[in-house]
Structures are given as C-alpha cells and as structure tokens.
Protein backbone atom coordinates (compact mmCIF):
# COMPACT_ATOMS: atom_id res chain seq x y z
CA MET A 1 -15.01 104.54 175.25
CA SER A 2 -11.82 104.46 172.89
CA ARG A 3 -8.71 102.57 174.10
CA LEU A 4 -6.54 106.05 174.10
CA ASN A 5 -9.25 107.78 176.34
CA LEU A 6 -9.11 104.77 178.73
CA ALA A 7 -5.31 104.86 178.50
CA SER A 8 -5.36 108.70 179.47
CA ARG A 9 -7.43 107.93 182.44
CA VAL A 10 -5.57 105.17 183.72
CA GLU A 11 -2.19 107.04 183.63
CA GLY A 12 -3.67 109.56 185.41
CA SER A 13 -5.36 107.85 188.04
CA HIS A 14 -1.47 106.44 188.50
CA ARG A 15 -0.69 109.95 188.89
CA GLN A 16 -2.86 111.02 191.52
CA GLU A 17 -1.76 107.39 193.36
CA LYS A 18 1.40 108.83 193.24
CA GLY A 19 0.65 112.26 194.14
CA TYR A 20 -1.65 110.73 196.96
CA ALA A 21 1.18 108.71 198.29
CA LEU A 22 3.85 111.80 197.91
CA ARG A 23 1.57 113.62 200.51
CA MET A 24 1.15 110.88 202.58
CA LEU A 25 5.03 110.41 203.11
CA THR A 26 5.35 114.20 203.60
CA ALA A 27 2.54 114.58 206.13
CA LEU A 28 3.84 110.89 207.89
CA ILE A 29 7.46 112.88 208.24
CA LEU A 30 6.16 116.32 208.97
CA ALA A 31 4.28 114.25 212.13
CA GLN A 32 7.47 112.61 213.03
CA ALA A 33 9.07 115.89 213.06
CA ILE A 34 6.59 117.34 215.10
CA ALA A 35 6.59 114.59 217.44
CA THR A 36 10.46 115.18 217.93
CA ASP A 37 9.66 119.11 218.62
CA ALA A 38 6.91 117.43 221.33
CA PHE A 39 9.20 115.24 222.85
CA LEU A 40 12.18 117.88 223.13
CA ASP A 41 9.60 120.52 224.48
CA ARG A 42 8.44 118.16 227.45
CA THR A 43 11.99 117.17 228.35
CA ARG A 44 13.47 120.86 227.87
CA PRO A 45 14.29 120.90 231.53
CA ARG A 46 16.49 117.61 231.72
CA TRP A 47 18.42 119.21 228.74
CA GLU A 48 18.70 122.45 230.53
CA GLN A 49 20.24 120.80 233.31
CA VAL A 50 22.55 118.66 231.07
CA SER A 51 23.98 121.84 229.77
CA ARG A 52 24.69 123.87 233.29
CA GLN A 53 26.44 120.54 234.50
CA LEU A 54 29.15 120.56 231.08
CA TRP A 55 29.24 124.60 231.82
CA ASP A 56 30.15 124.12 234.94
CA PHE A 57 32.75 121.14 234.68
CA ALA A 58 34.24 123.62 231.66
CA GLU A 59 36.87 120.90 231.18
CA THR A 60 39.44 121.98 228.37
CA SER A 61 40.91 119.88 225.34
CA LEU A 62 41.28 115.69 225.92
CA GLN A 63 40.29 116.46 229.80
CA GLU A 64 36.50 116.09 229.23
CA LYS A 65 36.59 112.93 231.61
CA ARG A 66 33.12 114.14 233.35
CA SER A 67 31.41 115.83 230.66
CA SER A 68 31.96 112.64 227.85
CA ALA A 69 31.19 110.35 230.89
CA LEU A 70 27.37 112.56 231.19
CA LEU A 71 26.38 112.26 227.93
CA ALA A 72 28.24 108.61 227.07
CA ASP A 73 26.55 107.49 230.09
CA LEU A 74 22.52 109.36 229.44
CA LEU A 75 22.88 107.73 225.93
CA GLU A 76 23.04 104.46 227.74
CA LYS A 77 20.37 105.03 229.66
CA GLU A 78 18.70 105.73 226.69
CA GLY A 79 19.34 102.42 225.19
CA PHE A 80 22.49 103.66 222.83
CA LYS A 81 25.41 101.22 222.77
CA VAL A 82 28.62 103.21 223.55
CA GLN A 83 31.41 102.32 222.49
CA ARG A 84 34.16 104.54 224.54
CA GLY A 85 37.81 105.90 224.02
CA VAL A 86 37.31 105.73 220.13
CA GLY A 87 40.79 107.03 218.53
CA GLU A 88 43.00 106.62 221.53
CA LEU A 89 41.43 109.44 222.84
CA PRO A 90 40.09 108.48 226.01
CA THR A 91 37.21 111.19 225.96
CA ALA A 92 35.78 109.91 222.89
CA PHE A 93 32.67 107.96 221.93
CA ILE A 94 30.19 106.76 219.09
CA ALA A 95 26.65 105.78 220.71
CA THR A 96 24.71 103.88 218.13
CA ALA A 97 21.34 102.92 218.14
CA GLY A 98 19.08 101.17 215.29
CA SER A 99 20.43 99.05 212.78
CA GLY A 100 20.71 98.88 208.86
CA SER A 101 20.71 101.91 206.59
CA PRO A 102 20.58 104.87 206.01
CA VAL A 103 23.02 105.65 208.90
CA VAL A 104 22.48 109.56 210.28
CA GLY A 105 25.29 110.80 212.76
CA ILE A 106 25.41 114.10 214.93
CA LEU A 107 28.53 115.33 215.71
CA ALA A 108 28.65 116.27 219.78
CA GLU A 109 30.90 118.46 221.52
CA TYR A 110 32.17 119.03 225.10
CA ASP A 111 35.53 121.09 225.49
CA ALA A 112 36.21 124.23 227.20
CA LEU A 113 38.56 126.93 226.60
CA PRO A 114 41.71 127.75 229.08
CA GLU A 115 40.89 130.98 231.21
CA LEU A 116 37.50 132.02 229.94
CA SER A 117 35.66 131.35 232.83
CA GLN A 118 32.90 133.89 233.93
CA LYS A 119 29.76 134.15 236.11
CA ALA A 120 26.80 133.03 234.32
CA GLY A 121 24.31 135.75 233.23
CA GLU A 122 26.49 138.72 233.98
CA ALA A 123 27.07 141.58 231.41
CA SER A 124 30.47 142.51 232.20
CA GLN A 125 33.44 140.37 232.62
CA ASN A 126 33.45 139.13 236.05
CA PRO A 127 35.60 135.59 236.26
CA LEU A 128 33.73 133.05 238.11
CA GLU A 129 37.51 131.50 239.19
CA LYS A 130 40.10 134.12 237.65
CA GLY A 131 42.57 131.89 235.05
CA ALA A 132 40.21 129.19 234.93
CA PRO A 133 38.52 127.46 232.40
CA GLY A 134 34.80 128.46 230.56
CA HIS A 135 32.46 127.50 228.04
CA GLY A 136 33.75 130.43 225.46
CA CYS A 137 32.50 128.91 222.34
CA GLY A 138 29.40 126.99 223.61
CA HIS A 139 30.50 123.35 223.85
CA ASN A 140 28.03 122.59 226.35
CA LEU A 141 25.14 123.97 224.15
CA LEU A 142 26.55 121.91 221.21
CA GLY A 143 26.68 118.52 222.99
CA THR A 144 23.47 118.75 224.78
CA ALA A 145 22.05 119.68 221.59
CA ALA A 146 23.38 116.93 219.60
CA VAL A 147 22.42 114.26 222.18
CA ALA A 148 19.25 115.67 222.80
CA ALA A 149 18.58 115.22 219.30
CA GLY A 150 19.84 111.65 218.96
CA VAL A 151 17.42 110.98 221.84
CA ALA A 152 14.42 112.60 220.21
CA ALA A 153 15.00 110.87 216.63
CA ASN A 154 15.60 107.99 218.47
CA GLN A 155 12.19 107.94 220.15
CA ALA A 156 10.53 108.87 216.53
CA ARG A 157 12.26 105.66 215.29
CA LEU A 158 11.02 103.25 217.26
CA GLU A 159 7.41 104.69 217.47
CA ARG A 160 7.42 104.73 213.78
CA LYS A 161 9.47 101.64 212.92
CA LEU A 162 11.32 103.60 210.93
CA PRO A 163 14.77 101.74 209.34
CA GLY A 164 18.04 102.55 209.78
CA THR A 165 20.70 103.78 212.47
CA ILE A 166 21.22 106.97 214.43
CA GLN A 167 25.46 107.77 215.49
CA ILE A 168 26.37 110.15 218.50
CA PHE A 169 29.99 111.41 217.90
CA GLY A 170 31.07 112.28 220.54
CA SER A 171 34.03 114.08 219.85
CA PRO A 172 36.79 116.19 222.07
CA ALA A 173 39.42 118.30 221.39
CA GLU A 174 37.54 120.54 218.71
CA GLU A 175 39.27 123.56 220.64
CA ILE A 176 42.71 122.04 219.31
CA LEU A 177 41.66 120.53 216.27
CA SER A 178 42.32 117.29 216.47
CA GLY A 179 39.86 115.09 217.96
CA LYS A 180 37.69 114.16 215.04
CA THR A 181 40.76 113.88 212.66
CA PHE A 182 42.23 110.95 214.87
CA MET A 183 38.54 109.11 215.21
CA ILE A 184 38.91 109.11 211.32
CA ARG A 185 41.94 107.60 211.26
CA ALA A 186 40.63 104.93 213.55
CA GLY A 187 37.71 104.12 211.28
CA ALA A 188 34.82 105.98 213.08
CA PHE A 189 33.31 107.12 210.60
CA LYS A 190 33.54 104.71 208.03
CA SER A 191 29.87 102.87 207.90
CA THR A 192 28.14 106.54 208.39
CA ASP A 193 26.01 108.07 205.26
CA VAL A 194 25.37 111.28 206.28
CA ILE A 195 26.52 113.77 209.16
CA LEU A 196 24.58 116.35 211.06
CA ALA A 197 26.72 119.21 212.86
CA TRP A 198 25.82 122.66 214.29
CA HIS A 199 27.41 125.16 216.46
CA PRO A 200 26.61 128.07 218.48
CA SER A 201 26.25 131.08 217.20
CA ASP A 202 25.02 135.27 216.67
CA GLN A 203 22.85 134.32 214.14
CA ASN A 204 20.81 131.61 212.12
CA TYR A 205 22.29 130.15 209.35
CA LEU A 206 23.70 126.94 207.20
CA GLU A 207 27.04 127.30 206.95
CA LYS A 208 28.03 127.41 203.38
CA GLY A 209 31.62 128.10 202.24
CA LYS A 210 33.73 129.82 204.80
CA ARG A 211 35.03 128.55 207.54
CA LEU A 212 39.05 128.32 206.48
CA ALA A 213 41.32 125.52 206.16
CA LEU A 214 44.33 125.50 208.79
CA THR A 215 47.93 124.22 210.03
CA VAL A 216 49.47 124.77 213.98
CA SER A 217 53.22 124.24 214.02
CA ASP A 218 55.80 124.62 216.66
CA VAL A 219 58.99 126.82 215.44
CA GLU A 220 61.83 125.91 217.60
CA PHE A 221 65.29 127.41 217.55
CA PHE A 222 68.60 125.88 218.99
CA GLY A 223 71.19 127.78 220.00
CA LYS A 224 74.74 128.30 222.19
CA THR A 225 74.42 129.76 225.67
CA ALA A 226 76.73 132.01 227.54
CA HIS A 227 76.88 134.67 230.20
CA ALA A 228 75.47 137.43 228.57
CA ALA A 229 77.74 140.00 230.27
CA ALA A 230 81.08 138.05 230.53
CA SER A 231 81.39 135.96 227.32
CA PRO A 232 78.36 136.79 225.00
CA TRP A 233 80.42 135.99 222.11
CA LEU A 234 80.54 132.48 222.99
CA GLY A 235 76.74 132.19 222.84
CA ARG A 236 74.44 131.92 219.78
CA SER A 237 71.26 133.57 221.02
CA ALA A 238 67.78 130.97 220.11
CA LEU A 239 65.63 134.66 221.00
CA ASP A 240 67.49 136.48 218.34
CA ALA A 241 66.70 133.86 216.01
CA LEU A 242 63.08 133.77 217.04
CA GLU A 243 63.05 137.74 216.59
CA VAL A 244 64.34 137.51 213.11
CA PHE A 245 62.30 134.73 212.41
CA GLU A 246 59.41 137.10 213.88
CA HIS A 247 60.44 140.02 211.82
CA ALA A 248 60.48 138.04 208.59
CA MET A 249 56.45 136.60 209.24
CA ALA A 250 55.61 140.10 209.66
CA LEU A 251 57.04 141.54 206.10
CA MET A 252 55.74 138.30 204.41
CA ARG A 253 52.00 139.65 205.62
CA GLU A 254 51.88 142.22 202.99
CA HIS A 255 52.82 139.53 200.53
CA VAL A 256 49.86 136.83 201.40
CA LEU A 257 46.25 136.41 199.78
CA PRO A 258 43.72 138.59 201.92
CA THR A 259 42.17 135.41 203.07
CA ALA A 260 45.21 133.75 205.06
CA ARG A 261 45.25 134.48 208.40
CA ILE A 262 48.54 134.00 210.36
CA HIS A 263 48.82 134.20 214.48
CA ARG A 264 51.34 133.25 216.93
CA VAL A 265 51.96 132.84 220.34
CA ILE A 266 55.61 132.30 221.62
CA LYS A 267 56.02 129.60 223.83
CA ASN A 268 59.42 130.14 225.13
CA GLY A 269 62.07 132.63 224.82
CA GLY A 270 64.67 132.27 227.75
CA THR A 271 64.28 132.16 231.15
CA VAL A 272 66.47 134.95 232.58
CA ALA A 273 68.01 138.19 230.68
CA ASN A 274 71.82 137.69 231.93
CA ILE A 275 72.04 134.14 230.52
CA ILE A 276 72.25 133.67 226.55
CA PRO A 277 68.86 131.41 225.50
CA ASP A 278 69.88 128.32 223.81
CA TYR A 279 66.50 127.64 222.91
CA SER A 280 63.32 129.18 221.61
CA LYS A 281 60.06 128.32 220.51
CA VAL A 282 56.78 130.17 218.65
CA GLN A 283 53.61 128.77 217.96
CA VAL A 284 52.38 129.80 214.52
CA TRP A 285 48.98 129.07 212.96
CA ILE A 286 48.18 129.19 209.26
CA ARG A 287 44.64 129.86 208.13
CA ASP A 288 43.23 130.41 204.04
CA LEU A 289 40.46 129.19 201.79
CA ASP A 290 41.88 125.81 201.02
CA ILE A 291 44.31 123.42 202.23
CA ALA A 292 46.50 124.01 199.11
CA THR A 293 47.46 127.91 199.80
CA VAL A 294 47.59 127.09 203.91
CA ASP A 295 50.52 124.54 202.30
CA GLU A 296 52.12 127.19 200.25
CA THR A 297 52.15 129.56 203.09
CA LEU A 298 53.35 126.44 205.74
CA ALA A 299 56.40 126.11 203.01
CA ARG A 300 57.39 129.82 202.90
CA MET A 301 57.45 130.10 206.60
CA ARG A 302 59.66 127.17 206.83
CA LYS A 303 62.12 128.85 204.24
CA ALA A 304 61.72 132.02 206.88
CA ALA A 305 62.98 129.62 209.74
CA GLU A 306 65.73 128.43 207.91
CA GLY A 307 66.38 132.03 207.04
CA ALA A 308 66.58 133.49 210.37
CA ALA A 309 68.71 129.98 211.88
CA LEU A 310 71.38 130.89 209.10
CA ALA A 311 71.38 135.10 210.24
CA THR A 312 72.01 133.86 213.86
CA GLU A 313 74.18 130.25 213.56
CA THR A 314 71.49 128.64 215.09
CA ARG A 315 68.95 125.49 214.15
CA ALA A 316 65.45 125.43 213.45
CA LYS A 317 63.19 122.97 213.55
CA VAL A 318 59.58 122.95 212.31
CA THR A 319 56.88 120.43 213.99
CA VAL A 320 53.14 120.34 212.34
CA LEU A 321 50.91 119.08 215.48
CA GLY A 322 48.25 119.39 213.01
CA SER A 323 45.91 120.57 210.12
CA VAL A 324 42.34 120.54 209.29
CA ARG A 325 41.01 121.53 205.90
CA ASN A 326 38.08 123.86 204.79
CA PRO A 327 34.79 121.83 204.97
CA ILE A 328 32.78 120.62 202.04
CA ASN A 329 29.35 121.83 202.57
CA ASN A 330 27.01 119.47 201.16
CA ASP A 331 23.82 120.91 199.68
CA VAL A 332 21.07 117.74 200.09
CA VAL A 333 22.33 117.90 203.99
CA GLY A 334 22.37 121.49 204.29
CA GLN A 335 19.10 122.11 202.28
CA THR A 336 17.18 119.62 204.81
CA LEU A 337 18.56 121.54 207.63
CA GLN A 338 17.50 124.72 206.08
CA LYS A 339 14.21 123.18 205.95
CA GLU A 340 13.65 122.20 209.27
CA LEU A 341 15.14 125.28 210.38
CA GLU A 342 12.13 127.73 208.25
CA ARG A 343 9.77 125.15 210.13
CA VAL A 344 10.67 125.39 213.74
CA GLY A 345 11.67 129.41 213.49
CA VAL A 346 14.31 131.41 215.38
CA PRO A 347 14.68 130.88 219.15
CA LYS A 348 11.74 132.91 221.02
CA TRP A 349 13.42 135.96 222.89
CA ASP A 350 11.68 137.52 225.64
CA GLU A 351 12.28 141.27 226.94
CA SER A 352 14.60 139.79 229.62
CA ASP A 353 16.90 138.04 227.05
CA THR A 354 16.97 141.48 224.59
CA ALA A 355 17.65 143.75 227.63
CA PHE A 356 20.75 141.21 228.86
CA ALA A 357 22.04 140.94 225.30
CA LYS A 358 21.91 144.53 225.15
CA ALA A 359 23.63 145.34 228.34
CA LEU A 360 26.22 142.96 226.85
CA GLN A 361 26.85 145.14 223.72
CA LYS A 362 27.33 148.24 225.89
CA ASP A 363 29.79 146.49 228.00
CA LEU A 364 31.50 145.52 225.04
CA LYS A 365 30.99 149.11 223.24
CA MET A 366 29.35 147.67 220.40
CA PRO A 367 26.38 148.41 218.63
CA GLU A 368 23.02 147.78 220.78
CA LYS A 369 21.18 145.68 218.39
CA GLY A 370 20.22 142.89 220.74
CA LEU A 371 19.43 139.21 219.25
CA ALA A 372 19.31 137.65 215.72
CA SER A 373 15.43 137.67 214.80
CA GLU A 374 15.63 136.21 211.53
CA ILE A 375 16.63 133.14 209.60
CA ILE A 376 19.76 133.88 206.80
CA PRO A 377 18.19 132.38 203.49
CA TYR A 378 20.32 129.35 202.52
CA GLY A 379 23.20 130.34 199.90
CA PRO A 380 27.27 130.54 199.59
CA ALA A 381 29.95 133.05 201.78
CA HIS A 382 27.55 132.28 204.97
CA GLY A 383 29.86 131.23 207.93
CA SER A 384 32.51 132.05 210.13
CA THR A 385 36.30 132.58 209.33
CA ALA A 386 37.21 129.85 212.49
CA SER A 387 38.47 126.75 211.46
CA SER A 388 37.54 123.21 212.36
CA ASP A 389 37.61 119.81 212.57
CA ILE A 390 34.47 119.09 210.99
CA GLY A 391 36.48 119.91 207.63
CA GLU A 392 38.16 116.85 207.97
CA VAL A 393 34.66 114.62 208.95
CA SER A 394 33.42 116.73 205.73
CA ALA A 395 36.55 115.00 203.72
CA ALA A 396 35.43 111.26 205.12
CA VAL A 397 31.66 111.62 204.82
CA PRO A 398 28.87 114.27 203.44
CA LEU A 399 28.40 116.72 206.14
CA ALA A 400 26.42 120.35 206.87
CA GLU A 401 26.28 122.49 209.75
CA LEU A 402 23.84 124.40 211.22
CA ASN A 403 24.29 127.71 212.82
CA VAL A 404 21.95 128.79 215.96
CA ALA A 405 21.85 131.87 217.60
CA THR A 406 22.76 131.58 221.32
CA ARG A 407 24.50 134.99 222.06
CA ALA A 408 23.85 138.80 221.33
CA LEU A 409 24.43 139.97 217.85
CA GLY A 410 28.03 140.90 216.75
CA THR A 411 29.56 138.98 220.15
CA ALA A 412 32.17 136.73 218.97
CA ALA A 413 33.17 133.32 220.03
CA HIS A 414 36.25 132.18 222.02
CA HIS A 415 35.37 135.33 224.48
CA TRP A 416 33.96 135.62 228.35
CA ALA A 417 30.76 137.19 226.94
CA THR A 418 30.39 133.85 225.28
CA THR A 419 30.47 132.03 228.58
CA SER A 420 28.10 134.04 230.21
CA CYS A 421 25.58 133.76 227.29
CA SER A 422 26.12 130.24 227.46
CA ALA A 423 24.63 129.72 230.56
CA HIS A 424 21.76 132.22 230.47
CA PRO A 425 18.12 131.51 229.07
CA LEU A 426 19.38 133.13 225.85
CA GLY A 427 21.82 129.92 225.40
CA ASN A 428 19.13 127.70 226.45
CA LYS A 429 16.93 128.70 223.74
CA GLY A 430 18.82 128.80 221.03
CA MET A 431 20.11 125.48 222.12
CA LEU A 432 16.45 124.03 222.22
CA VAL A 433 16.42 125.20 218.93
CA ALA A 434 18.98 123.17 217.43
CA ALA A 435 17.71 120.63 218.87
CA LYS A 436 14.65 120.44 217.14
CA VAL A 437 16.10 120.66 213.66
CA LEU A 438 19.12 118.75 214.00
CA GLY A 439 16.17 115.90 215.52
CA ALA A 440 13.55 116.77 212.72
CA SER A 441 16.36 116.28 210.27
CA THR A 442 17.79 112.97 211.07
CA VAL A 443 13.81 111.51 211.06
CA ASP A 444 14.00 113.54 207.52
CA LEU A 445 16.72 111.45 206.33
CA LEU A 446 16.07 107.72 208.15
CA GLY A 447 12.63 108.19 206.17
CA ASP A 448 14.13 109.22 202.95
CA PRO A 449 16.88 106.98 201.35
CA ALA A 450 16.77 108.46 198.12
CA ALA A 451 17.80 112.08 199.62
CA VAL A 452 20.76 110.10 201.56
CA ALA A 453 21.76 108.58 197.94
CA ALA A 454 21.84 111.91 196.36
CA ALA A 455 23.93 113.48 199.86
CA ARG A 456 26.37 110.97 198.94
CA ALA A 457 26.01 111.28 195.31
CA GLU A 458 27.10 114.96 195.56
CA PHE A 459 29.79 113.92 197.79
CA VAL A 460 31.56 111.87 195.52
CA LYS A 461 31.27 114.62 193.15
CA ALA A 462 32.71 117.02 195.32
CA THR A 463 35.60 114.80 196.24
CA GLN A 464 36.42 113.59 192.98
CA GLY A 465 35.68 109.87 194.17
CA LYS A 466 39.37 110.17 195.93
CA PRO A 467 39.57 108.49 199.18
CA TYR A 468 39.80 110.38 202.52
CA LEU A 469 43.62 110.97 203.34
CA SER A 470 44.68 111.70 206.78
CA PRO A 471 46.66 114.88 207.64
CA LEU A 472 48.57 112.84 210.72
CA PRO A 473 51.54 111.87 210.23
CA ALA A 474 52.55 107.95 210.81
CA GLY A 475 52.62 107.54 214.49
CA ALA A 476 50.90 110.77 215.44
CA LYS A 477 49.40 111.09 218.78
CA PRO A 478 47.08 113.91 220.08
CA VAL A 479 48.59 116.96 221.73
CA VAL A 480 47.74 119.99 223.61
CA PHE A 481 48.81 123.21 221.58
C-alpha cells in the first residue's frame, strides 16, 4: 500500500471518528432535551397551580411580595441557592444551581397591571373585582414557565453531570420598565454568559429587532395661585402652561419619525375650578427604534416645556423617571431557541380553546381567526412595538427573546382579554411550550460551550466592545410611574 493511500485511509478514519463523535453529542443533547420535556409533562399540574396562584395574587410593580416569595421558595426547595432583595428591590431575586462555566440565565417576571381585573376564562369583559389589578400581560405564565424551565434543566444537569451554572432572575417591575435596570446596576448579571427570555403573545416566533427604546418623564409646571373670579390677574396658571405644552406636543407629532410614539397621561391639573392652579403635571412616554432618536425627541420636548412656561409666565421642570434601550437580539442564542421551538412545536389547541378564542374575538369585533397554528420562521422585523427593560439586559449580556401563543390571534397585551386568557387552559398550553423550549435550550447551551463563546463574540461585535452604561442617574431609586 502506498504512503498516499495509507494517509488517505487514516484521514478518512479520523473524519469518521469526528463524525461519529458529533452524532453522539447531538444524540446526547437531544436525549437531554427530551428528558426536560418529559419532566415538564409529568409535573404539568404543579406549574399550572403555580401560574394560577400568581394570577390570583395579581400584584403590581414593586408590590409583588407574595408572587416573588412563591417562586423563590419553590426554587429553594428544588436545590437552588436564592439571593433575595437584589438591587435594593425587595421583590427581586437570583436563584443559582450548579457551578462554573457556562452560566445560562433565564428571566422571570411576575408583576400585574392596574385595573385589568377580569374573571378567568370569560369571553366578555367582567372584572373579578372592579378597579383591581390583573395579569393583562400574562406575567403569571411568564414567571412560571421560566422557573419550570430552570428546574427541568437543573434536573437534566444533575442526571447527566453537565458542567455549568443555571441562574433564574426574578425581575420585578417590568411594567414600569425599571426592575432589571436596578438589578444590573447591582451587578446581578456580571457572571452570566447568556440570557434566555420569553413573553406570552398571540403568535409563535423569536423576537428579532422590533421592540422600541423608551424614556418616561414627568413634566411639571409651577405657577401662582389666585381666586379665579375675584383676582385672576394675580394668578399664573400651571394648568394653562400644561395646555400650551400639550398643544405644542400635538403639533410636534406631524414632525417626528413614523416609528416614534408619544403618549401621555395628565397626573395633576388642579383641584377646583375657582382656584387658579399653581401646579400641574403630565407624564410623557417617548418611544422610537433606538435610544438616540428617543433622546432627540426628548430634547425637543424639553424645549416645548420651556416654551409653554415662557408663554404663561410659569416655571417648567422635566424629570426623567426611567429609560430603556431597544434590545440587541443575539442570533446564536436566538437560533438555539428557534431550533427547540421547531422541535417542541406549537401549543396543542383543542376545540374548546379555539371556540373560546373566537368568542373573545367576536366580543372585541375582530376577525374570528382563533389561535396561532404555525411557527414564524426566524428572521428580521419580527416582534412587537412594545418596550421592555430586557433591552437593558441585552446591552449587558447576550440575550434572545422567545414568544409563544397564549392568547387569541390579534388580541393585545395590557388588556382584560389577556387577563382572561392567562388563567384559561389555552394560556397554560402556551406556557408549557415556552417552558419546554427554555428548558431544552438551557441544556443545549450548557452542553455546548462553543455556542456560548460564539454568542459572546457576536455580543462584543454588536456592542463594539463598549461596557454597559446605565441610564440611571446617580442616586436613582425605583419609582412607580
């Protein structure tokens, strides 16, 4: 046999060995993923009960005491070490299992929204308690699936003796866009390699470049009070200033980018009509595709406030309450989640789920299309125009966000219909799919340090190697907007 032939055979043998090793590794990872699925199927009633408890608690931002304790206590019983009160937030926690690299984190949220109380599984608006909070964004499902995924992945880690660490981040106050920002400032994510996130939706897809950056500000006006009938010339109305400001902002809307969003709520316009108000306040939320264009609009808003004050001989004050940037979606992590989403498949709806969804759509005078039955292919421009403090996390750690259908097609978050779906069997079915995808993806990443390294390399390139810079001013404290 010639040396050339011998060398070729040896090289071919090496290729076969590498191919065999790769197939064995792939098979092992698949077996681990299937194991997490099986665990979640076996324990499904437990997670449905936890989700329902969170739904019943319905605690708003920074008030999630029972919700946080429920999830943190559960994780402690499952062998996680839990650090509570992270970032000066009593309802924030970090639960950790394992040691060493890679470190894979999962985000959990559990805050509800004001005045979105709704009876479970009803297709017409019917508050459980008028004016009470409700899970109109499905965070009871979100937090439960994240915790369930972490527990399932940890079971696989222990059984397979996998290296690495699993972290569950209990992040409160997402609805006021501040919890994670304060946690980052406290160093919560400094040892984390990659982050997995998910959100309840009306469709099944990976978020890819559509969430908006946001800044929330209070605009206050200070005037001079007087009797509105006896001596109005002595007064300088803070309400007049607010009205001039509102008009200026309304005119500005013609001259902003089509992607911009400006919305507000008047917090204070005076007390009684016969007293000229010396104080008024409006809260303004400015959104756009990136934080740079938000800052440009914010600068214009400041000029409008100063102009309104000048016109009415009052004084203006603009206070930024919170700011989150548009997320950086990591493709390596995103494609890991997409692969597992396609493996797990869409939620398995039955006739009663579809009938309920269509009844909701009929009540809302929407097309009666039922529920999402497909997975949207991975690609750009998928996602919502909502904002989230996950944008801040994505600027500190490689992150991708999964969306799974838990409500009727076309229905919106921050709505009583979502509160209803979030305690309906269809919501639970979507939650289980999310838990399976997150759990299996965690196992995938624990078993593939090369993928984690690739995610980190992509992150460094996307951020141009710049360190994370917090939008919080020095001494900032969490506030309810």
